Structures are given as structure tokens and as C-alpha cells.
PDB file of N, CA and C in Angstrom:
ATOM      1  N   MET A   1       0.848  -1.169   0.000  1.00  0.00           N
ATOM      2  CA  MET A   1       0.000   0.000   0.000  1.00  0.00           C
ATOM      3  C   MET A   1       0.899   1.238   0.000  1.00  0.00           C
ATOM      4  N   ALA A   2       0.595   2.173  -0.842  1.00  0.00           N
ATOM      5  CA  ALA A   2       1.402   3.379  -0.961  1.00  0.00           C
ATOM      6  C   ALA A   2       0.810   4.474  -0.081  1.00  0.00           C
ATOM      7  N   ALA A   3       1.689   5.263   0.454  1.00  0.00           N
ATOM      8  CA  ALA A   3       1.255   6.401   1.271  1.00  0.00           C
ATOM      9  C   ALA A   3       1.831   7.676   0.673  1.00  0.00           C
ATOM     10  N   TYR A   4       1.039   8.701   0.635  1.00  0.00           N
ATOM     11  CA  TYR A   4       1.477   9.978   0.084  1.00  0.00           C
ATOM     12  C   TYR A   4       1.487  11.037   1.183  1.00  0.00           C
ATOM     13  N   ASP A   5       2.535  11.821   1.177  1.00  0.00           N
ATOM     14  CA  ASP A   5       2.633  12.922   2.126  1.00  0.00           C
ATOM     15  C   ASP A   5       2.173  14.188   1.390  1.00  0.00           C
ATOM     16  N   LEU A   6       0.979  14.637   1.730  1.00  0.00           N
ATOM     17  CA  LEU A   6       0.413  15.791   1.048  1.00  0.00           C
ATOM     18  C   LEU A   6       0.740  17.113   1.741  1.00  0.00           C
ATOM     19  N   THR A   7       1.447  17.060   2.845  1.00  0.00           N
ATOM     20  CA  THR A   7       1.720  18.264   3.615  1.00  0.00           C
ATOM     21  C   THR A   7       2.452  19.299   2.778  1.00  0.00           C
ATOM     22  N   ARG A   8       3.496  18.888   2.086  1.00  0.00           N
ATOM     23  CA  ARG A   8       4.290  19.824   1.295  1.00  0.00           C
ATOM     24  C   ARG A   8       3.472  20.423   0.158  1.00  0.00           C
ATOM     25  N   SER A   9       2.714  19.624  -0.543  1.00  0.00           N
ATOM     26  CA  SER A   9       1.933  20.143  -1.659  1.00  0.00           C
ATOM     27  C   SER A   9       0.802  21.046  -1.176  1.00  0.00           C
ATOM     28  N   GLN A  10       0.272  20.789   0.008  1.00  0.00           N
ATOM     29  CA  GLN A  10      -0.770  21.664   0.542  1.00  0.00           C
ATOM     30  C   GLN A  10      -0.199  23.049   0.836  1.00  0.00           C
ATOM     31  N   PHE A  11       1.019  23.099   1.414  1.00  0.00           N
ATOM     32  CA  PHE A  11       1.642  24.392   1.672  1.00  0.00           C
ATOM     33  C   PHE A  11       1.978  25.101   0.370  1.00  0.00           C
ATOM     34  N   ALA A  12       2.417  24.348  -0.612  1.00  0.00           N
ATOM     35  CA  ALA A  12       2.774  24.945  -1.897  1.00  0.00           C
ATOM     36  C   ALA A  12       1.540  25.549  -2.557  1.00  0.00           C
ATOM     37  N   SER A  13       0.426  24.847  -2.534  1.00  0.00           N
ATOM     38  CA  SER A  13      -0.781  25.381  -3.167  1.00  0.00           C
ATOM     39  C   SER A  13      -1.320  26.575  -2.394  1.00  0.00           C
ATOM     40  N   ALA A  14      -1.166  26.580  -1.080  1.00  0.00           N
ATOM     41  CA  ALA A  14      -1.592  27.740  -0.290  1.00  0.00           C
ATOM     42  C   ALA A  14      -0.720  28.947  -0.636  1.00  0.00           C
ATOM     43  N   GLY A  15       0.582  28.724  -0.843  1.00  0.00           N
ATOM     44  CA  GLY A  15       1.479  29.813  -1.226  1.00  0.00           C
ATOM     45  C   GLY A  15       1.141  30.358  -2.596  1.00  0.00           C
ATOM     46  N   ILE A  16       0.799  29.477  -3.511  1.00  0.00           N
ATOM     47  CA  ILE A  16       0.420  29.908  -4.856  1.00  0.00           C
ATOM     48  C   ILE A  16      -0.880  30.697  -4.805  1.00  0.00           C
ATOM     49  N   ALA A  17      -1.823  30.236  -3.989  1.00  0.00           N
ATOM     50  CA  ALA A  17      -3.099  30.939  -3.869  1.00  0.00           C
ATOM     51  C   ALA A  17      -2.889  32.332  -3.280  1.00  0.00           C
ATOM     52  N   THR A  18      -2.022  32.435  -2.283  1.00  0.00           N
ATOM     53  CA  THR A  18      -1.741  33.735  -1.682  1.00  0.00           C
ATOM     54  C   THR A  18      -1.070  34.655  -2.693  1.00  0.00           C
ATOM     55  N   PHE A  19      -0.114  34.130  -3.420  1.00  0.00           N
ATOM     56  CA  PHE A  19       0.588  34.910  -4.436  1.00  0.00           C
ATOM     57  C   PHE A  19      -0.383  35.367  -5.525  1.00  0.00           C
ATOM     58  N   ALA A  20      -1.238  34.442  -5.978  1.00  0.00           N
ATOM     59  CA  ALA A  20      -2.219  34.783  -7.007  1.00  0.00           C
ATOM     60  C   ALA A  20      -3.206  35.820  -6.484  1.00  0.00           C
ATOM     61  N   GLY A  21      -3.572  35.714  -5.215  1.00  0.00           N
ATOM     62  CA  GLY A  21      -4.471  36.695  -4.611  1.00  0.00           C
ATOM     63  C   GLY A  21      -3.846  38.070  -4.566  1.00  0.00           C
ATOM     64  N   ARG A  22      -2.560  38.122  -4.276  1.00  0.00           N
ATOM     65  CA  ARG A  22      -1.872  39.414  -4.246  1.00  0.00           C
ATOM     66  C   ARG A  22      -1.770  40.016  -5.636  1.00  0.00           C
ATOM     67  N   ILE A  23      -1.499  39.184  -6.618  1.00  0.00           N
ATOM     68  CA  ILE A  23      -1.449  39.678  -8.001  1.00  0.00           C
ATOM     69  C   ILE A  23      -2.831  40.175  -8.412  1.00  0.00           C
ATOM     70  N   GLY A  24      -3.861  39.415  -8.082  1.00  0.00           N
ATOM     71  CA  GLY A  24      -5.227  39.834  -8.402  1.00  0.00           C
ATOM     72  C   GLY A  24      -5.585  41.144  -7.730  1.00  0.00           C
ATOM     73  N   ALA A  25      -5.211  41.293  -6.460  1.00  0.00           N
ATOM     74  CA  ALA A  25      -5.482  42.533  -5.735  1.00  0.00           C
ATOM     75  C   ALA A  25      -4.721  43.696  -6.365  1.00  0.00           C
ATOM     76  N   GLY A  26      -3.508  43.440  -6.814  1.00  0.00           N
ATOM     77  CA  GLY A  26      -2.726  44.485  -7.486  1.00  0.00           C
ATOM     78  C   GLY A  26      -3.368  44.924  -8.788  1.00  0.00           C
ATOM     79  N   ILE A  27      -3.864  43.959  -9.541  1.00  0.00           N
ATOM     80  CA  ILE A  27      -4.527  44.274 -10.809  1.00  0.00           C
ATOM     81  C   ILE A  27      -5.792  45.077 -10.552  1.00  0.00           C
ATOM     82  N   VAL A  28      -6.560  44.668  -9.550  1.00  0.00           N
ATOM     83  CA  VAL A  28      -7.780  45.399  -9.200  1.00  0.00           C
ATOM     84  C   VAL A  28      -7.438  46.819  -8.763  1.00  0.00           C
ATOM     85  N   SER A  29      -6.368  46.967  -7.999  1.00  0.00           N
ATOM     86  CA  SER A  29      -5.945  48.289  -7.531  1.00  0.00           C
ATOM     87  C   SER A  29      -5.569  49.194  -8.703  1.00  0.00           C
ATOM     88  N   VAL A  30      -4.821  48.663  -9.646  1.00  0.00           N
ATOM     89  CA  VAL A  30      -4.435  49.445 -10.831  1.00  0.00           C
ATOM     90  C   VAL A  30      -5.667  49.791 -11.654  1.00  0.00           C
ATOM     91  N   TRP A  31      -6.554  48.828 -11.842  1.00  0.00           N
ATOM     92  CA  TRP A  31      -7.778  49.053 -12.619  1.00  0.00           C
ATOM     93  C   TRP A  31      -8.638  50.135 -11.960  1.00  0.00           C
ATOM     94  N   THR A  32      -8.761  50.094 -10.637  1.00  0.00           N
ATOM     95  CA  THR A  32      -9.542  51.096  -9.906  1.00  0.00           C
ATOM     96  C   THR A  32      -8.922  52.476 -10.035  1.00  0.00           C
ATOM     97  N   ALA A  33      -7.593  52.547  -9.941  1.00  0.00           N
ATOM     98  CA  ALA A  33      -6.907  53.840 -10.084  1.00  0.00           C
ATOM     99  C   ALA A  33      -7.127  54.420 -11.479  1.00  0.00           C
ATOM    100  N   LEU A  34      -7.075  53.573 -12.495  1.00  0.00           N
ATOM    101  CA  LEU A  34      -7.320  54.039 -13.862  1.00  0.00           C
ATOM    102  C   LEU A  34      -8.757  54.511 -14.039  1.00  0.00           C
ATOM    103  N   ALA A  35      -9.696  53.785 -13.465  1.00  0.00           N
ATOM    104  CA  ALA A  35     -11.100  54.175 -13.568  1.00  0.00           C
ATOM    105  C   ALA A  35     -11.344  55.501 -12.845  1.00  0.00           C
ATOM    106  N   ASP A  36     -10.744  55.684 -11.670  1.00  0.00           N
ATOM    107  CA  ASP A  36     -10.873  56.949 -10.930  1.00  0.00           C
ATOM    108  C   ASP A  36     -10.268  58.108 -11.714  1.00  0.00           C
ATOM    109  N   TRP A  37      -9.095  57.877 -12.301  1.00  0.00           N
ATOM    110  CA  TRP A  37      -8.444  58.910 -13.111  1.00  0.00           C
ATOM    111  C   TRP A  37      -9.329  59.292 -14.293  1.00  0.00           C
ATOM    112  N   ASN A  38      -9.915  58.295 -14.947  1.00  0.00           N
ATOM    113  CA  ASN A  38     -10.757  58.565 -16.110  1.00  0.00           C
ATOM    114  C   ASN A  38     -12.023  59.316 -15.703  1.00  0.00           C
ATOM    115  N   ASP A  39     -12.614  58.952 -14.578  1.00  0.00           N
ATOM    116  CA  ASP A  39     -13.798  59.674 -14.104  1.00  0.00           C
ATOM    117  C   ASP A  39     -13.468  61.139 -13.829  1.00  0.00           C
ATOM    118  N   ALA A  40     -12.333  61.383 -13.186  1.00  0.00           N
ATOM    119  CA  ALA A  40     -11.916  62.764 -12.899  1.00  0.00           C
ATOM    120  C   ALA A  40     -11.649  63.519 -14.200  1.00  0.00           C
ATOM    121  N   ARG A  41     -11.042  62.853 -15.166  1.00  0.00           N
ATOM    122  CA  ARG A  41     -10.751  63.485 -16.460  1.00  0.00           C
ATOM    123  C   ARG A  41     -12.040  63.872 -17.169  1.00  0.00           C
ATOM    124  N   GLN A  42     -13.021  62.972 -17.172  1.00  0.00           N
ATOM    125  CA  GLN A  42     -14.296  63.258 -17.832  1.00  0.00           C
ATOM    126  C   GLN A  42     -15.042  64.386 -17.127  1.00  0.00           C
ATOM    127  N   THR A  43     -15.012  64.383 -15.796  1.00  0.00           N
ATOM    128  CA  THR A  43     -15.665  65.448 -15.033  1.00  0.00           C
ATOM    129  C   THR A  43     -15.007  66.789 -15.332  1.00  0.00           C
ATOM    130  N   ARG A  44     -13.668  66.815 -15.315  1.00  0.00           N
ATOM    131  CA  ARG A  44     -12.926  68.042 -15.597  1.00  0.00           C
ATOM    132  C   ARG A  44     -13.247  68.552 -17.008  1.00  0.00           C
ATOM    133  N   LYS A  45     -13.306  67.639 -17.954  1.00  0.00           N
ATOM    134  CA  LYS A  45     -13.585  68.017 -19.347  1.00  0.00           C
ATOM    135  C   LYS A  45     -14.998  68.576 -19.494  1.00  0.00           C
ATOM    136  N   ALA A  46     -15.969  67.930 -18.860  1.00  0.00           N
ATOM    137  CA  ALA A  46     -17.365  68.385 -18.964  1.00  0.00           C
ATOM    138  C   ALA A  46     -17.546  69.746 -18.299  1.00  0.00           C
ATOM    139  N   LEU A  47     -16.968  69.921 -17.110  1.00  0.00           N
ATOM    140  CA  LEU A  47     -17.112  71.198 -16.420  1.00  0.00           C
ATOM    141  C   LEU A  47     -16.356  72.315 -17.131  1.00  0.00           C
ATOM    142  N   SER A  48     -15.233  71.995 -17.728  1.00  0.00           N
ATOM    143  CA  SER A  48     -14.455  73.012 -18.450  1.00  0.00           C
ATOM    144  C   SER A  48     -15.177  73.492 -19.696  1.00  0.00           C
ATOM    145  N   ALA A  49     -16.053  72.665 -20.240  1.00  0.00           N
ATOM    146  CA  ALA A  49     -16.796  73.039 -21.440  1.00  0.00           C
ATOM    147  C   ALA A  49     -17.927  74.013 -21.130  1.00  0.00           C
ATOM    148  N   LEU A  50     -18.305  74.153 -19.852  1.00  0.00           N
ATOM    149  CA  LEU A  50     -19.378  75.066 -19.480  1.00  0.00           C
ATOM    150  C   LEU A  50     -18.882  76.505 -19.487  1.00  0.00           C
ATOM    151  N   SER A  51     -19.786  77.413 -19.757  1.00  0.00           N
ATOM    152  CA  SER A  51     -19.436  78.834 -19.708  1.00  0.00           C
ATOM    153  C   SER A  51     -19.381  79.283 -18.245  1.00  0.00           C
ATOM    154  N   ASP A  52     -18.826  80.463 -18.020  1.00  0.00           N
ATOM    155  CA  ASP A  52     -18.761  81.003 -16.660  1.00  0.00           C
ATOM    156  C   ASP A  52     -20.162  81.200 -16.089  1.00  0.00           C
ATOM    157  N   HIS A  53     -21.098  81.601 -16.931  1.00  0.00           N
ATOM    158  CA  HIS A  53     -22.480  81.796 -16.489  1.00  0.00           C
ATOM    159  C   HIS A  53     -23.105  80.454 -16.063  1.00  0.00           C
ATOM    160  N   GLU A  54     -22.866  79.409 -16.862  1.00  0.00           N
ATOM    161  CA  GLU A  54     -23.404  78.090 -16.523  1.00  0.00           C
ATOM    162  C   GLU A  54     -22.787  77.553 -15.235  1.00  0.00           C
ATOM    163  N   LEU A  55     -21.495  77.772 -15.061  1.00  0.00           N
ATOM    164  CA  LEU A  55     -20.849  77.363 -13.810  1.00  0.00           C
ATOM    165  C   LEU A  55     -21.441  78.126 -12.632  1.00  0.00           C
ATOM    166  N   ASP A  56     -21.700  79.415 -12.818  1.00  0.00           N
ATOM    167  CA  ASP A  56     -22.294  80.222 -11.754  1.00  0.00           C
ATOM    168  C   ASP A  56     -23.692  79.704 -11.402  1.00  0.00           C
ATOM    169  N   ASP A  57     -24.434  79.238 -12.405  1.00  0.00           N
ATOM    170  CA  ASP A  57     -25.772  78.687 -12.165  1.00  0.00           C
ATOM    171  C   ASP A  57     -25.744  77.470 -11.239  1.00  0.00           C
ATOM    172  N   ILE A  58     -24.676  76.693 -11.290  1.00  0.00           N
ATOM    173  CA  ILE A  58     -24.572  75.512 -10.420  1.00  0.00           C
ATOM    174  C   ILE A  58     -23.718  75.801  -9.182  1.00  0.00           C
ATOM    175  N   GLY A  59     -23.413  77.076  -8.961  1.00  0.00           N
ATOM    176  CA  GLY A  59     -22.709  77.475  -7.743  1.00  0.00           C
ATOM    177  C   GLY A  59     -21.222  77.205  -7.757  1.00  0.00           C
ATOM    178  N   MET A  60     -20.634  77.268  -8.937  1.00  0.00           N
ATOM    179  CA  MET A  60     -19.204  77.005  -9.057  1.00  0.00           C
ATOM    180  C   MET A  60     -18.503  78.145  -9.784  1.00  0.00           C
ATOM    181  N   VAL A  61     -17.202  78.201  -9.581  1.00  0.00           N
ATOM    182  CA  VAL A  61     -16.349  79.072 -10.387  1.00  0.00           C
ATOM    183  C   VAL A  61     -15.311  78.170 -11.039  1.00  0.00           C
ATOM    184  N   ARG A  62     -14.615  78.693 -12.037  1.00  0.00           N
ATOM    185  CA  ARG A  62     -13.659  77.881 -12.772  1.00  0.00           C
ATOM    186  C   ARG A  62     -12.580  77.264 -11.885  1.00  0.00           C
ATOM    187  N   GLY A  63     -12.220  77.951 -10.815  1.00  0.00           N
ATOM    188  CA  GLY A  63     -11.195  77.440  -9.908  1.00  0.00           C
ATOM    189  C   GLY A  63     -11.637  76.224  -9.102  1.00  0.00           C
ATOM    190  N   ASP A  64     -12.939  75.945  -9.073  1.00  0.00           N
ATOM    191  CA  ASP A  64     -13.464  74.796  -8.328  1.00  0.00           C
ATOM    192  C   ASP A  64     -13.398  73.493  -9.122  1.00  0.00           C
ATOM    193  N   ILE A  65     -13.141  73.568 -10.402  1.00  0.00           N
ATOM    194  CA  ILE A  65     -13.239  72.388 -11.276  1.00  0.00           C
ATOM    195  C   ILE A  65     -12.287  71.287 -10.834  1.00  0.00           C
ATOM    196  N   ASP A  66     -11.026  71.609 -10.589  1.00  0.00           N
ATOM    197  CA  ASP A  66     -10.067  70.565 -10.194  1.00  0.00           C
ATOM    198  C   ASP A  66     -10.436  69.928  -8.861  1.00  0.00           C
ATOM    199  N   THR A  67     -10.932  70.735  -7.923  1.00  0.00           N
ATOM    200  CA  THR A  67     -11.312  70.198  -6.619  1.00  0.00           C
ATOM    201  C   THR A  67     -12.485  69.244  -6.753  1.00  0.00           C
ATOM    202  N   VAL A  68     -13.468  69.620  -7.535  1.00  0.00           N
ATOM    203  CA  VAL A  68     -14.634  68.768  -7.735  1.00  0.00           C
ATOM    204  C   VAL A  68     -14.250  67.490  -8.486  1.00  0.00           C
ATOM    205  N   ALA A  69     -13.386  67.603  -9.464  1.00  0.00           N
ATOM    206  CA  ALA A  69     -12.998  66.437 -10.275  1.00  0.00           C
ATOM    207  C   ALA A  69     -12.209  65.427  -9.455  1.00  0.00           C
ATOM    208  N   ARG A  70     -11.435  65.877  -8.465  1.00  0.00           N
ATOM    209  CA  ARG A  70     -10.611  64.974  -7.656  1.00  0.00           C
ATOM    210  C   ARG A  70     -11.394  64.258  -6.559  1.00  0.00           C
ATOM    211  N   ARG A  71     -12.618  64.704  -6.271  1.00  0.00           N
ATOM    212  CA  ARG A  71     -13.410  64.085  -5.205  1.00  0.00           C
ATOM    213  C   ARG A  71     -13.783  62.663  -5.554  1.00  0.00           C
ATOM    214  N   ASN A  72     -13.716  61.791  -4.547  1.00  0.00           N
ATOM    215  CA  ASN A  72     -14.197  60.420  -4.712  1.00  0.00           C
ATOM    216  C   ASN A  72     -15.577  60.334  -4.084  1.00  0.00           C
ATOM    217  N   TRP A  73     -16.576  60.148  -4.900  1.00  0.00           N
ATOM    218  CA  TRP A  73     -17.942  60.087  -4.389  1.00  0.00           C
ATOM    219  C   TRP A  73     -18.140  58.739  -3.866  1.00  0.00           C
TER     220      TRP A  73
END
């Protein structure tokens, strides 16, 4: 009857899972940062296209655009 020692392979697979989880978390982090950057870029672009009168109608001045675009809702 053959006996197998699975202890080593169990630790190896746990290490691979942890490593893969860290890589996955890193990818998600980069993807989230890119999505946040793109949202801020689109907000900045849309607000910059408004006239000073239109910005005043929504209670903003041109100097507020960068602050509003950087906010994380």
C-alpha cells in the first residue's frame, strides 16, 4: 500500500493561492486607479466646457473644477 505525504503540496498550493491573490489585488488596484483617473478626467472636461455663467448657475467658479474632479464620491 502506498502512502502519500500531502503536507508539502498543501503548503505549496496555499502559497500559490496567496501569491495569485496578491497579483489579483494588485490588478484590481491598478484598474480602480485608472477608472478613478478617467472619471476625474471626464468630469474636468465636462465642467471646463461650461461657460462662466453656466458654472455660476450651479454654484461654481472655474477654480473649483479641479477640486470637484478629484473628489471620490
